[in-house]
Amino acid sequence: MKNLRLKSARAALDLSQQQLAERVGVSRQTINAIEKGDYNPTIKLCRAICRTLGKTLDELFWEEDEV
């Protein structure tokens, strides 16, 4: 499932995928894969992304159950 919340939060801070990647210590391809839903990041990486974007884990990574 695509992570549009991550993409939106990154864009709201006017950060490119490359800039976010550099701030959290991963490649741009990793950020791209997370946003596309092709990669599940570790909790450590999730926390680093959240700190960088000023968001909580729930705001960026919690998936609501679809009924």
PDB file of N, CA and C in Angstrom:
ATOM      1  N   MET A   1       0.837  -1.181   0.000  1.00  0.00           N
ATOM      2  CA  MET A   1       0.000   0.000   0.000  1.00  0.00           C
ATOM      3  C   MET A   1       0.886   1.250   0.000  1.00  0.00           C
ATOM      4  N   LYS A   2       0.595   2.172  -0.885  1.00  0.00           N
ATOM      5  CA  LYS A   2       1.374   3.401  -0.974  1.00  0.00           C
ATOM      6  C   LYS A   2       1.285   4.197   0.316  1.00  0.00           C
ATOM      7  N   ASN A   3       2.382   4.849   0.658  1.00  0.00           N
ATOM      8  CA  ASN A   3       2.381   5.691   1.853  1.00  0.00           C
ATOM      9  C   ASN A   3       2.281   7.154   1.419  1.00  0.00           C
ATOM     10  N   LEU A   4       1.060   7.576   1.131  1.00  0.00           N
ATOM     11  CA  LEU A   4       0.837   8.950   0.693  1.00  0.00           C
ATOM     12  C   LEU A   4       0.995   9.946   1.835  1.00  0.00           C
ATOM     13  N   ARG A   5       0.793   9.474   3.075  1.00  0.00           N
ATOM     14  CA  ARG A   5       0.976  10.376   4.219  1.00  0.00           C
ATOM     15  C   ARG A   5       2.431  10.775   4.367  1.00  0.00           C
ATOM     16  N   LEU A   6       3.338   9.832   4.145  1.00  0.00           N
ATOM     17  CA  LEU A   6       4.769  10.142   4.204  1.00  0.00           C
ATOM     18  C   LEU A   6       5.134  11.121   3.095  1.00  0.00           C
ATOM     19  N   LYS A   7       4.680  10.840   1.901  1.00  0.00           N
ATOM     20  CA  LYS A   7       4.974  11.710   0.760  1.00  0.00           C
ATOM     21  C   LYS A   7       4.437  13.117   1.001  1.00  0.00           C
ATOM     22  N   SER A   8       3.229  13.213   1.527  1.00  0.00           N
ATOM     23  CA  SER A   8       2.611  14.508   1.807  1.00  0.00           C
ATOM     24  C   SER A   8       3.374  15.278   2.888  1.00  0.00           C
ATOM     25  N   ALA A   9       3.760  14.589   3.953  1.00  0.00           N
ATOM     26  CA  ALA A   9       4.501  15.237   5.045  1.00  0.00           C
ATOM     27  C   ALA A   9       5.863  15.726   4.555  1.00  0.00           C
ATOM     28  N   ARG A  10       6.499  14.939   3.711  1.00  0.00           N
ATOM     29  CA  ARG A  10       7.798  15.332   3.144  1.00  0.00           C
ATOM     30  C   ARG A  10       7.631  16.552   2.259  1.00  0.00           C
ATOM     31  N   ALA A  11       6.619  16.539   1.407  1.00  0.00           N
ATOM     32  CA  ALA A  11       6.369  17.650   0.489  1.00  0.00           C
ATOM     33  C   ALA A  11       5.992  18.927   1.251  1.00  0.00           C
ATOM     34  N   ALA A  12       5.261  18.767   2.356  1.00  0.00           N
ATOM     35  CA  ALA A  12       4.841  19.935   3.144  1.00  0.00           C
ATOM     36  C   ALA A  12       6.050  20.686   3.712  1.00  0.00           C
ATOM     37  N   LEU A  13       7.145  19.964   3.934  1.00  0.00           N
ATOM     38  CA  LEU A  13       8.375  20.599   4.416  1.00  0.00           C
ATOM     39  C   LEU A  13       9.315  20.960   3.266  1.00  0.00           C
ATOM     40  N   ASP A  14       8.826  20.792   2.042  1.00  0.00           N
ATOM     41  CA  ASP A  14       9.595  21.091   0.840  1.00  0.00           C
ATOM     42  C   ASP A  14      10.912  20.316   0.793  1.00  0.00           C
ATOM     43  N   LEU A  15      10.829  19.035   1.187  1.00  0.00           N
ATOM     44  CA  LEU A  15      12.001  18.161   1.145  1.00  0.00           C
ATOM     45  C   LEU A  15      11.885  17.206  -0.035  1.00  0.00           C
ATOM     46  N   SER A  16      12.970  17.013  -0.739  1.00  0.00           N
ATOM     47  CA  SER A  16      13.002  16.006  -1.788  1.00  0.00           C
ATOM     48  C   SER A  16      13.242  14.642  -1.136  1.00  0.00           C
ATOM     49  N   GLN A  17      13.021  13.595  -1.896  1.00  0.00           N
ATOM     50  CA  GLN A  17      13.336  12.257  -1.382  1.00  0.00           C
ATOM     51  C   GLN A  17      14.810  12.180  -1.003  1.00  0.00           C
ATOM     52  N   GLN A  18      15.665  12.775  -1.808  1.00  0.00           N
ATOM     53  CA  GLN A  18      17.110  12.752  -1.541  1.00  0.00           C
ATOM     54  C   GLN A  18      17.435  13.463  -0.229  1.00  0.00           C
ATOM     55  N   GLN A  19      16.821  14.619   0.007  1.00  0.00           N
ATOM     56  CA  GLN A  19      17.083  15.369   1.236  1.00  0.00           C
ATOM     57  C   GLN A  19      16.630  14.593   2.467  1.00  0.00           C
ATOM     58  N   LEU A  20      15.448  13.994   2.397  1.00  0.00           N
ATOM     59  CA  LEU A  20      14.967  13.194   3.524  1.00  0.00           C
ATOM     60  C   LEU A  20      15.887  12.000   3.749  1.00  0.00           C
ATOM     61  N   ALA A  21      16.272  11.352   2.671  1.00  0.00           N
ATOM     62  CA  ALA A  21      17.156  10.192   2.772  1.00  0.00           C
ATOM     63  C   ALA A  21      18.463  10.557   3.467  1.00  0.00           C
ATOM     64  N   GLU A  22      19.053  11.678   3.088  1.00  0.00           N
ATOM     65  CA  GLU A  22      20.310  12.114   3.703  1.00  0.00           C
ATOM     66  C   GLU A  22      20.134  12.383   5.190  1.00  0.00           C
ATOM     67  N   ARG A  23      19.005  12.965   5.563  1.00  0.00           N
ATOM     68  CA  ARG A  23      18.759  13.299   6.973  1.00  0.00           C
ATOM     69  C   ARG A  23      18.554  12.071   7.843  1.00  0.00           C
ATOM     70  N   VAL A  24      18.031  10.997   7.263  1.00  0.00           N
ATOM     71  CA  VAL A  24      17.784   9.790   8.059  1.00  0.00           C
ATOM     72  C   VAL A  24      18.805   8.682   7.799  1.00  0.00           C
ATOM     73  N   GLY A  25      19.744   8.927   6.896  1.00  0.00           N
ATOM     74  CA  GLY A  25      20.847   7.991   6.683  1.00  0.00           C
ATOM     75  C   GLY A  25      20.547   6.788   5.818  1.00  0.00           C
ATOM     76  N   VAL A  26      19.696   6.978   4.804  1.00  0.00           N
ATOM     77  CA  VAL A  26      19.409   5.904   3.850  1.00  0.00           C
ATOM     78  C   VAL A  26      19.532   6.453   2.427  1.00  0.00           C
ATOM     79  N   SER A  27      19.328   5.587   1.443  1.00  0.00           N
ATOM     80  CA  SER A  27      19.388   6.046   0.053  1.00  0.00           C
ATOM     81  C   SER A  27      18.046   6.647  -0.369  1.00  0.00           C
ATOM     82  N   ARG A  28      18.087   7.438  -1.437  1.00  0.00           N
ATOM     83  CA  ARG A  28      16.862   7.993  -2.001  1.00  0.00           C
ATOM     84  C   ARG A  28      15.942   6.864  -2.455  1.00  0.00           C
ATOM     85  N   GLN A  29      16.529   5.790  -2.957  1.00  0.00           N
ATOM     86  CA  GLN A  29      15.747   4.654  -3.429  1.00  0.00           C
ATOM     87  C   GLN A  29      14.944   4.022  -2.289  1.00  0.00           C
ATOM     88  N   THR A  30      15.504   4.037  -1.085  1.00  0.00           N
ATOM     89  CA  THR A  30      14.785   3.496   0.073  1.00  0.00           C
ATOM     90  C   THR A  30      13.553   4.332   0.380  1.00  0.00           C
ATOM     91  N   ILE A  31      13.706   5.651   0.376  1.00  0.00           N
ATOM     92  CA  ILE A  31      12.558   6.535   0.622  1.00  0.00           C
ATOM     93  C   ILE A  31      11.510   6.331  -0.465  1.00  0.00           C
ATOM     94  N   ASN A  32      11.947   6.240  -1.705  1.00  0.00           N
ATOM     95  CA  ASN A  32      11.034   6.011  -2.817  1.00  0.00           C
ATOM     96  C   ASN A  32      10.275   4.695  -2.631  1.00  0.00           C
ATOM     97  N   ALA A  33      10.982   3.647  -2.244  1.00  0.00           N
ATOM     98  CA  ALA A  33      10.342   2.336  -2.057  1.00  0.00           C
ATOM     99  C   ALA A  33       9.327   2.369  -0.912  1.00  0.00           C
ATOM    100  N   ILE A  34       9.626   3.101   0.160  1.00  0.00           N
ATOM    101  CA  ILE A  34       8.683   3.228   1.276  1.00  0.00           C
ATOM    102  C   ILE A  34       7.428   3.947   0.804  1.00  0.00           C
ATOM    103  N   GLU A  35       7.605   5.051   0.082  1.00  0.00           N
ATOM    104  CA  GLU A  35       6.463   5.821  -0.405  1.00  0.00           C
ATOM    105  C   GLU A  35       5.610   5.006  -1.371  1.00  0.00           C
ATOM    106  N   LYS A  36       6.235   4.168  -2.170  1.00  0.00           N
ATOM    107  CA  LYS A  36       5.502   3.341  -3.139  1.00  0.00           C
ATOM    108  C   LYS A  36       4.876   2.111  -2.497  1.00  0.00           C
ATOM    109  N   GLY A  37       5.246   1.818  -1.250  1.00  0.00           N
ATOM    110  CA  GLY A  37       4.720   0.639  -0.574  1.00  0.00           C
ATOM    111  C   GLY A  37       5.461  -0.635  -0.915  1.00  0.00           C
ATOM    112  N   ASP A  38       6.652  -0.498  -1.487  1.00  0.00           N
ATOM    113  CA  ASP A  38       7.439  -1.664  -1.871  1.00  0.00           C
ATOM    114  C   ASP A  38       8.416  -2.116  -0.788  1.00  0.00           C
ATOM    115  N   TYR A  39       8.519  -1.353   0.293  1.00  0.00           N
ATOM    116  CA  TYR A  39       9.489  -1.665   1.344  1.00  0.00           C
ATOM    117  C   TYR A  39       8.913  -1.298   2.702  1.00  0.00           C
ATOM    118  N   ASN A  40       9.008  -2.221   3.651  1.00  0.00           N
ATOM    119  CA  ASN A  40       8.589  -1.965   5.018  1.00  0.00           C
ATOM    120  C   ASN A  40       9.822  -1.571   5.825  1.00  0.00           C
ATOM    121  N   PRO A  41       9.906  -0.321   6.256  1.00  0.00           N
ATOM    122  CA  PRO A  41      11.083   0.120   7.005  1.00  0.00           C
ATOM    123  C   PRO A  41      11.118  -0.461   8.415  1.00  0.00           C
ATOM    124  N   THR A  42      12.306  -0.520   8.974  1.00  0.00           N
ATOM    125  CA  THR A  42      12.467  -0.946  10.359  1.00  0.00           C
ATOM    126  C   THR A  42      11.863   0.113  11.271  1.00  0.00           C
ATOM    127  N   ILE A  43      11.590  -0.261  12.499  1.00  0.00           N
ATOM    128  CA  ILE A  43      11.039   0.696  13.448  1.00  0.00           C
ATOM    129  C   ILE A  43      12.037   1.827  13.697  1.00  0.00           C
ATOM    130  N   LYS A  44      13.318   1.506  13.674  1.00  0.00           N
ATOM    131  CA  LYS A  44      14.362   2.528  13.856  1.00  0.00           C
ATOM    132  C   LYS A  44      14.286   3.566  12.734  1.00  0.00           C
ATOM    133  N   LEU A  45      14.129   3.111  11.513  1.00  0.00           N
ATOM    134  CA  LEU A  45      14.024   4.027  10.379  1.00  0.00           C
ATOM    135  C   LEU A  45      12.712   4.809  10.440  1.00  0.00           C
ATOM    136  N   CYS A  46      11.633   4.139  10.810  1.00  0.00           N
ATOM    137  CA  CYS A  46      10.346   4.842  10.956  1.00  0.00           C
ATOM    138  C   CYS A  46      10.467   5.982  11.957  1.00  0.00           C
ATOM    139  N   ARG A  47      11.108   5.709  13.070  1.00  0.00           N
ATOM    140  CA  ARG A  47      11.260   6.735  14.112  1.00  0.00           C
ATOM    141  C   ARG A  47      12.117   7.891  13.609  1.00  0.00           C
ATOM    142  N   ALA A  48      13.175   7.594  12.865  1.00  0.00           N
ATOM    143  CA  ALA A  48      14.045   8.646  12.324  1.00  0.00           C
ATOM    144  C   ALA A  48      13.276   9.518  11.334  1.00  0.00           C
ATOM    145  N   ILE A  49      12.475   8.895  10.500  1.00  0.00           N
ATOM    146  CA  ILE A  49      11.661   9.644   9.537  1.00  0.00           C
ATOM    147  C   ILE A  49      10.664  10.533  10.283  1.00  0.00           C
ATOM    148  N   CYS A  50      10.009   9.971  11.284  1.00  0.00           N
ATOM    149  CA  CYS A  50       9.037  10.739  12.066  1.00  0.00           C
ATOM    150  C   CYS A  50       9.682  11.941  12.740  1.00  0.00           C
ATOM    151  N   ARG A  51      10.834  11.743  13.362  1.00  0.00           N
ATOM    152  CA  ARG A  51      11.542  12.856  14.013  1.00  0.00           C
ATOM    153  C   ARG A  51      11.881  13.940  12.998  1.00  0.00           C
ATOM    154  N   THR A  52      12.363  13.536  11.847  1.00  0.00           N
ATOM    155  CA  THR A  52      12.761  14.486  10.813  1.00  0.00           C
ATOM    156  C   THR A  52      11.576  15.276  10.282  1.00  0.00           C
ATOM    157  N   LEU A  53      10.434  14.622  10.150  1.00  0.00           N
ATOM    158  CA  LEU A  53       9.243  15.272   9.591  1.00  0.00           C
ATOM    159  C   LEU A  53       8.334  15.881  10.654  1.00  0.00           C
ATOM    160  N   GLY A  54       8.669  15.669  11.927  1.00  0.00           N
ATOM    161  CA  GLY A  54       7.854  16.224  13.006  1.00  0.00           C
ATOM    162  C   GLY A  54       6.484  15.573  13.117  1.00  0.00           C
ATOM    163  N   LYS A  55       6.432  14.279  12.850  1.00  0.00           N
ATOM    164  CA  LYS A  55       5.179  13.521  12.892  1.00  0.00           C
ATOM    165  C   LYS A  55       5.323  12.337  13.843  1.00  0.00           C
ATOM    166  N   THR A  56       4.190  11.742  14.223  1.00  0.00           N
ATOM    167  CA  THR A  56       4.216  10.539  15.047  1.00  0.00           C
ATOM    168  C   THR A  56       4.179   9.302  14.160  1.00  0.00           C
ATOM    169  N   LEU A  57       4.503   8.161  14.771  1.00  0.00           N
ATOM    170  CA  LEU A  57       4.409   6.901  14.035  1.00  0.00           C
ATOM    171  C   LEU A  57       2.985   6.680  13.525  1.00  0.00           C
ATOM    172  N   ASP A  58       2.007   6.976  14.374  1.00  0.00           N
ATOM    173  CA  ASP A  58       0.610   6.809  13.966  1.00  0.00           C
ATOM    174  C   ASP A  58       0.265   7.674  12.764  1.00  0.00           C
ATOM    175  N   GLU A  59       0.737   8.894  12.764  1.00  0.00           N
ATOM    176  CA  GLU A  59       0.409   9.817  11.666  1.00  0.00           C
ATOM    177  C   GLU A  59       0.971   9.349  10.326  1.00  0.00           C
ATOM    178  N   LEU A  60       2.131   8.721  10.335  1.00  0.00           N
ATOM    179  CA  LEU A  60       2.767   8.351   9.071  1.00  0.00           C
ATOM    180  C   LEU A  60       2.642   6.875   8.696  1.00  0.00           C
ATOM    181  N   PHE A  61       2.597   5.999   9.698  1.00  0.00           N
ATOM    182  CA  PHE A  61       2.731   4.579   9.371  1.00  0.00           C
ATOM    183  C   PHE A  61       1.584   3.685   9.817  1.00  0.00           C
ATOM    184  N   TRP A  62       0.633   4.203  10.592  1.00  0.00           N
ATOM    185  CA  TRP A  62      -0.464   3.363  11.052  1.00  0.00           C
ATOM    186  C   TRP A  62      -1.464   3.150   9.930  1.00  0.00           C
ATOM    187  N   GLU A  63      -1.769   1.894   9.658  1.00  0.00           N
ATOM    188  CA  GLU A  63      -2.756   1.577   8.629  1.00  0.00           C
ATOM    189  C   GLU A  63      -4.082   1.278   9.289  1.00  0.00           C
ATOM    190  N   GLU A  64      -5.103   2.006   8.870  1.00  0.00           N
ATOM    191  CA  GLU A  64      -6.444   1.754   9.385  1.00  0.00           C
ATOM    192  C   GLU A  64      -6.965   0.440   8.826  1.00  0.00           C
ATOM    193  N   ASP A  65      -7.671  -0.305   9.664  1.00  0.00           N
ATOM    194  CA  ASP A  65      -8.304  -1.534   9.191  1.00  0.00           C
ATOM    195  C   ASP A  65      -9.457  -1.178   8.258  1.00  0.00           C
ATOM    196  N   GLU A  66      -9.457  -1.788   7.097  1.00  0.00           N
ATOM    197  CA  GLU A  66     -10.545  -1.542   6.157  1.00  0.00           C
ATOM    198  C   GLU A  66     -11.632  -2.575   6.418  1.00  0.00           C
ATOM    199  N   VAL A  67     -12.864  -2.104   6.520  1.00  0.00           N
ATOM    200  CA  VAL A  67     -13.993  -2.995   6.800  1.00  0.00           C
ATOM    201  C   VAL A  67     -14.780  -3.239   5.542  1.00  0.00           C
TER     202      VAL A  67
END
